[in-house]
Amino acid sequence: MQDRFLYGSAYPLMPIVDCVEHFKELFKPEVLPKLMWKNAAKVLKLEIPEGN
């Protein structure tokens, strides 16, 4: 499931910092990079730097 999920905030209904903090509480730290940016970069065909 972690490879098929993208982060989305509730902004402007909730401040972005609060959205991210609540989101981080729901998932294991090791999958957060995929959920927060790597999956979106893959969909958008953006280059992911090595080592990330």
PDB file of N, CA and C in Angstrom:
ATOM      1  N   MET A   1       0.820  -1.189   0.000  1.00  0.00           N
ATOM      2  CA  MET A   1       0.000   0.000   0.000  1.00  0.00           C
ATOM      3  C   MET A   1       0.869   1.260   0.000  1.00  0.00           C
ATOM      4  N   GLN A   2       2.038   1.180   0.616  1.00  0.00           N
ATOM      5  CA  GLN A   2       2.887   2.363   0.734  1.00  0.00           C
ATOM      6  C   GLN A   2       3.369   2.900  -0.617  1.00  0.00           C
ATOM      7  N   ASP A   3       3.324   2.095  -1.653  1.00  0.00           N
ATOM      8  CA  ASP A   3       3.737   2.546  -2.982  1.00  0.00           C
ATOM      9  C   ASP A   3       2.584   3.157  -3.783  1.00  0.00           C
ATOM     10  N   ARG A   4       1.388   3.169  -3.232  1.00  0.00           N
ATOM     11  CA  ARG A   4       0.205   3.660  -3.946  1.00  0.00           C
ATOM     12  C   ARG A   4      -0.490   4.793  -3.205  1.00  0.00           C
ATOM     13  N   PHE A   5       0.247   5.512  -2.429  1.00  0.00           N
ATOM     14  CA  PHE A   5      -0.340   6.515  -1.555  1.00  0.00           C
ATOM     15  C   PHE A   5       0.405   7.833  -1.728  1.00  0.00           C
ATOM     16  N   LEU A   6      -0.320   8.951  -1.789  1.00  0.00           N
ATOM     17  CA  LEU A   6       0.270  10.281  -1.857  1.00  0.00           C
ATOM     18  C   LEU A   6      -0.264  11.130  -0.710  1.00  0.00           C
ATOM     19  N   TYR A   7       0.573  12.002  -0.207  1.00  0.00           N
ATOM     20  CA  TYR A   7       0.157  12.915   0.850  1.00  0.00           C
ATOM     21  C   TYR A   7      -0.726  14.016   0.270  1.00  0.00           C
ATOM     22  N   GLY A   8      -1.745  14.382   1.017  1.00  0.00           N
ATOM     23  CA  GLY A   8      -2.594  15.516   0.681  1.00  0.00           C
ATOM     24  C   GLY A   8      -3.000  16.209   1.972  1.00  0.00           C
ATOM     25  N   SER A   9      -2.928  17.516   2.013  1.00  0.00           N
ATOM     26  CA  SER A   9      -3.238  18.235   3.249  1.00  0.00           C
ATOM     27  C   SER A   9      -4.686  18.733   3.248  1.00  0.00           C
ATOM     28  N   ALA A  10      -5.106  19.260   4.379  1.00  0.00           N
ATOM     29  CA  ALA A  10      -6.430  19.864   4.511  1.00  0.00           C
ATOM     30  C   ALA A  10      -6.334  21.381   4.391  1.00  0.00           C
ATOM     31  N   TYR A  11      -5.172  21.879   3.938  1.00  0.00           N
ATOM     32  CA  TYR A  11      -4.991  23.320   3.774  1.00  0.00           C
ATOM     33  C   TYR A  11      -6.012  23.847   2.773  1.00  0.00           C
ATOM     34  N   PRO A  12      -6.655  24.921   2.996  1.00  0.00           N
ATOM     35  CA  PRO A  12      -6.509  25.973   3.986  1.00  0.00           C
ATOM     36  C   PRO A  12      -7.396  25.794   5.221  1.00  0.00           C
ATOM     37  N   LEU A  13      -8.065  24.669   5.333  1.00  0.00           N
ATOM     38  CA  LEU A  13      -8.918  24.453   6.509  1.00  0.00           C
ATOM     39  C   LEU A  13      -8.112  24.237   7.781  1.00  0.00           C
ATOM     40  N   MET A  14      -6.879  23.806   7.612  1.00  0.00           N
ATOM     41  CA  MET A  14      -6.002  23.521   8.740  1.00  0.00           C
ATOM     42  C   MET A  14      -4.599  23.992   8.355  1.00  0.00           C
ATOM     43  N   PRO A  15      -3.860  24.618   9.260  1.00  0.00           N
ATOM     44  CA  PRO A  15      -2.503  25.060   8.926  1.00  0.00           C
ATOM     45  C   PRO A  15      -1.639  23.885   8.442  1.00  0.00           C
ATOM     46  N   ILE A  16      -0.787  24.134   7.453  1.00  0.00           N
ATOM     47  CA  ILE A  16      -0.002  23.068   6.835  1.00  0.00           C
ATOM     48  C   ILE A  16       0.871  22.334   7.851  1.00  0.00           C
ATOM     49  N   VAL A  17       1.448  23.046   8.796  1.00  0.00           N
ATOM     50  CA  VAL A  17       2.299  22.407   9.805  1.00  0.00           C
ATOM     51  C   VAL A  17       1.489  21.403  10.614  1.00  0.00           C
ATOM     52  N   ASP A  18       0.287  21.765  11.004  1.00  0.00           N
ATOM     53  CA  ASP A  18      -0.569  20.850  11.760  1.00  0.00           C
ATOM     54  C   ASP A  18      -0.959  19.637  10.919  1.00  0.00           C
ATOM     55  N   CYS A  19      -1.254  19.855   9.644  1.00  0.00           N
ATOM     56  CA  CYS A  19      -1.605  18.756   8.742  1.00  0.00           C
ATOM     57  C   CYS A  19      -0.478  17.725   8.666  1.00  0.00           C
ATOM     58  N   VAL A  20       0.734  18.216   8.467  1.00  0.00           N
ATOM     59  CA  VAL A  20       1.885  17.320   8.343  1.00  0.00           C
ATOM     60  C   VAL A  20       2.130  16.576   9.647  1.00  0.00           C
ATOM     61  N   GLU A  21       2.053  17.253  10.757  1.00  0.00           N
ATOM     62  CA  GLU A  21       2.289  16.604  12.055  1.00  0.00           C
ATOM     63  C   GLU A  21       1.248  15.510  12.326  1.00  0.00           C
ATOM     64  N   HIS A  22      -0.006  15.769  12.039  1.00  0.00           N
ATOM     65  CA  HIS A  22      -1.046  14.752  12.224  1.00  0.00           C
ATOM     66  C   HIS A  22      -0.821  13.575  11.292  1.00  0.00           C
ATOM     67  N   PHE A  23      -0.426  13.849  10.062  1.00  0.00           N
ATOM     68  CA  PHE A  23      -0.166  12.805   9.079  1.00  0.00           C
ATOM     69  C   PHE A  23       0.976  11.909   9.537  1.00  0.00           C
ATOM     70  N   LYS A  24       2.049  12.506  10.036  1.00  0.00           N
ATOM     71  CA  LYS A  24       3.225  11.742  10.475  1.00  0.00           C
ATOM     72  C   LYS A  24       2.898  10.791  11.620  1.00  0.00           C
ATOM     73  N   GLU A  25       1.908  11.126  12.424  1.00  0.00           N
ATOM     74  CA  GLU A  25       1.524  10.274  13.556  1.00  0.00           C
ATOM     75  C   GLU A  25       0.853   8.982  13.102  1.00  0.00           C
ATOM     76  N   LEU A  26       0.354   8.953  11.881  1.00  0.00           N
ATOM     77  CA  LEU A  26      -0.416   7.808  11.393  1.00  0.00           C
ATOM     78  C   LEU A  26       0.429   6.693  10.795  1.00  0.00           C
ATOM     79  N   PHE A  27       1.689   6.991  10.424  1.00  0.00           N
ATOM     80  CA  PHE A  27       2.495   6.036   9.681  1.00  0.00           C
ATOM     81  C   PHE A  27       3.859   5.817  10.319  1.00  0.00           C
ATOM     82  N   LYS A  28       4.463   4.691   9.982  1.00  0.00           N
ATOM     83  CA  LYS A  28       5.809   4.389  10.462  1.00  0.00           C
ATOM     84  C   LYS A  28       6.804   5.351   9.821  1.00  0.00           C
ATOM     85  N   PRO A  29       7.820   5.768  10.565  1.00  0.00           N
ATOM     86  CA  PRO A  29       8.808   6.721  10.035  1.00  0.00           C
ATOM     87  C   PRO A  29       9.506   6.250   8.759  1.00  0.00           C
ATOM     88  N   GLU A  30       9.721   4.955   8.609  1.00  0.00           N
ATOM     89  CA  GLU A  30      10.450   4.452   7.439  1.00  0.00           C
ATOM     90  C   GLU A  30       9.650   4.557   6.138  1.00  0.00           C
ATOM     91  N   VAL A  31       8.334   4.679   6.194  1.00  0.00           N
ATOM     92  CA  VAL A  31       7.541   4.815   4.966  1.00  0.00           C
ATOM     93  C   VAL A  31       7.182   6.264   4.641  1.00  0.00           C
ATOM     94  N   LEU A  32       7.435   7.178   5.557  1.00  0.00           N
ATOM     95  CA  LEU A  32       7.059   8.581   5.337  1.00  0.00           C
ATOM     96  C   LEU A  32       7.689   9.208   4.099  1.00  0.00           C
ATOM     97  N   PRO A  33       8.968   8.967   3.784  1.00  0.00           N
ATOM     98  CA  PRO A  33       9.505   9.576   2.562  1.00  0.00           C
ATOM     99  C   PRO A  33       8.722   9.191   1.303  1.00  0.00           C
ATOM    100  N   LYS A  34       8.284   7.945   1.214  1.00  0.00           N
ATOM    101  CA  LYS A  34       7.476   7.533   0.057  1.00  0.00           C
ATOM    102  C   LYS A  34       6.148   8.282   0.044  1.00  0.00           C
ATOM    103  N   LEU A  35       5.508   8.360   1.181  1.00  0.00           N
ATOM    104  CA  LEU A  35       4.193   8.979   1.261  1.00  0.00           C
ATOM    105  C   LEU A  35       4.248  10.494   1.091  1.00  0.00           C
ATOM    106  N   MET A  36       5.312  11.104   1.587  1.00  0.00           N
ATOM    107  CA  MET A  36       5.413  12.560   1.563  1.00  0.00           C
ATOM    108  C   MET A  36       5.923  13.112   0.234  1.00  0.00           C
ATOM    109  N   TRP A  37       6.826  12.367  -0.457  1.00  0.00           N
ATOM    110  CA  TRP A  37       7.344  12.951  -1.691  1.00  0.00           C
ATOM    111  C   TRP A  37       7.808  11.962  -2.752  1.00  0.00           C
ATOM    112  N   LYS A  38       8.320  10.811  -2.375  1.00  0.00           N
ATOM    113  CA  LYS A  38       8.865   9.899  -3.388  1.00  0.00           C
ATOM    114  C   LYS A  38       7.800   9.378  -4.355  1.00  0.00           C
ATOM    115  N   ASN A  39       6.636   9.007  -3.859  1.00  0.00           N
ATOM    116  CA  ASN A  39       5.570   8.517  -4.740  1.00  0.00           C
ATOM    117  C   ASN A  39       5.090   9.615  -5.690  1.00  0.00           C
ATOM    118  N   ALA A  40       4.991  10.835  -5.190  1.00  0.00           N
ATOM    119  CA  ALA A  40       4.580  11.948  -6.052  1.00  0.00           C
ATOM    120  C   ALA A  40       5.640  12.210  -7.118  1.00  0.00           C
ATOM    121  N   ALA A  41       6.909  12.160  -6.739  1.00  0.00           N
ATOM    122  CA  ALA A  41       7.988  12.365  -7.705  1.00  0.00           C
ATOM    123  C   ALA A  41       7.940  11.299  -8.800  1.00  0.00           C
ATOM    124  N   LYS A  42       7.625  10.080  -8.419  1.00  0.00           N
ATOM    125  CA  LYS A  42       7.527   8.984  -9.390  1.00  0.00           C
ATOM    126  C   LYS A  42       6.372   9.231 -10.364  1.00  0.00           C
ATOM    127  N   VAL A  43       5.217   9.623  -9.860  1.00  0.00           N
ATOM    128  CA  VAL A  43       4.046   9.886 -10.701  1.00  0.00           C
ATOM    129  C   VAL A  43       4.320  11.045 -11.661  1.00  0.00           C
ATOM    130  N   LEU A  44       4.997  12.065 -11.161  1.00  0.00           N
ATOM    131  CA  LEU A  44       5.303  13.245 -11.963  1.00  0.00           C
ATOM    132  C   LEU A  44       6.553  13.071 -12.825  1.00  0.00           C
ATOM    133  N   LYS A  45       7.167  11.897 -12.717  1.00  0.00           N
ATOM    134  CA  LYS A  45       8.378  11.576 -13.475  1.00  0.00           C
ATOM    135  C   LYS A  45       9.505  12.567 -13.218  1.00  0.00           C
ATOM    136  N   LEU A  46       9.691  12.890 -11.929  1.00  0.00           N
ATOM    137  CA  LEU A  46      10.773  13.748 -11.506  1.00  0.00           C
ATOM    138  C   LEU A  46      11.946  12.877 -11.054  1.00  0.00           C
ATOM    139  N   GLU A  47      13.126  13.382 -11.204  1.00  0.00           N
ATOM    140  CA  GLU A  47      14.311  12.628 -10.813  1.00  0.00           C
ATOM    141  C   GLU A  47      14.419  12.592  -9.299  1.00  0.00           C
ATOM    142  N   ILE A  48      14.664  11.411  -8.739  1.00  0.00           N
ATOM    143  CA  ILE A  48      14.869  11.240  -7.317  1.00  0.00           C
ATOM    144  C   ILE A  48      16.368  11.111  -7.094  1.00  0.00           C
ATOM    145  N   PRO A  49      16.980  12.009  -6.309  1.00  0.00           N
ATOM    146  CA  PRO A  49      18.416  11.949  -6.080  1.00  0.00           C
ATOM    147  C   PRO A  49      18.839  10.622  -5.462  1.00  0.00           C
ATOM    148  N   GLU A  50      20.016  10.138  -5.846  1.00  0.00           N
ATOM    149  CA  GLU A  50      20.524   8.895  -5.272  1.00  0.00           C
ATOM    150  C   GLU A  50      20.748   9.059  -3.791  1.00  0.00           C
ATOM    151  N   GLY A  51      20.556   7.979  -3.048  1.00  0.00           N
ATOM    152  CA  GLY A  51      20.734   8.012  -1.615  1.00  0.00           C
ATOM    153  C   GLY A  51      19.500   8.458  -0.852  1.00  0.00           C
ATOM    154  N   ASN A  52      18.430   8.777  -1.538  1.00  0.00           N
ATOM    155  CA  ASN A  52      17.180   9.179  -0.890  1.00  0.00           C
ATOM    156  C   ASN A  52      16.123   8.148  -1.073  1.00  0.00           C
TER     157      ASN A  52
END
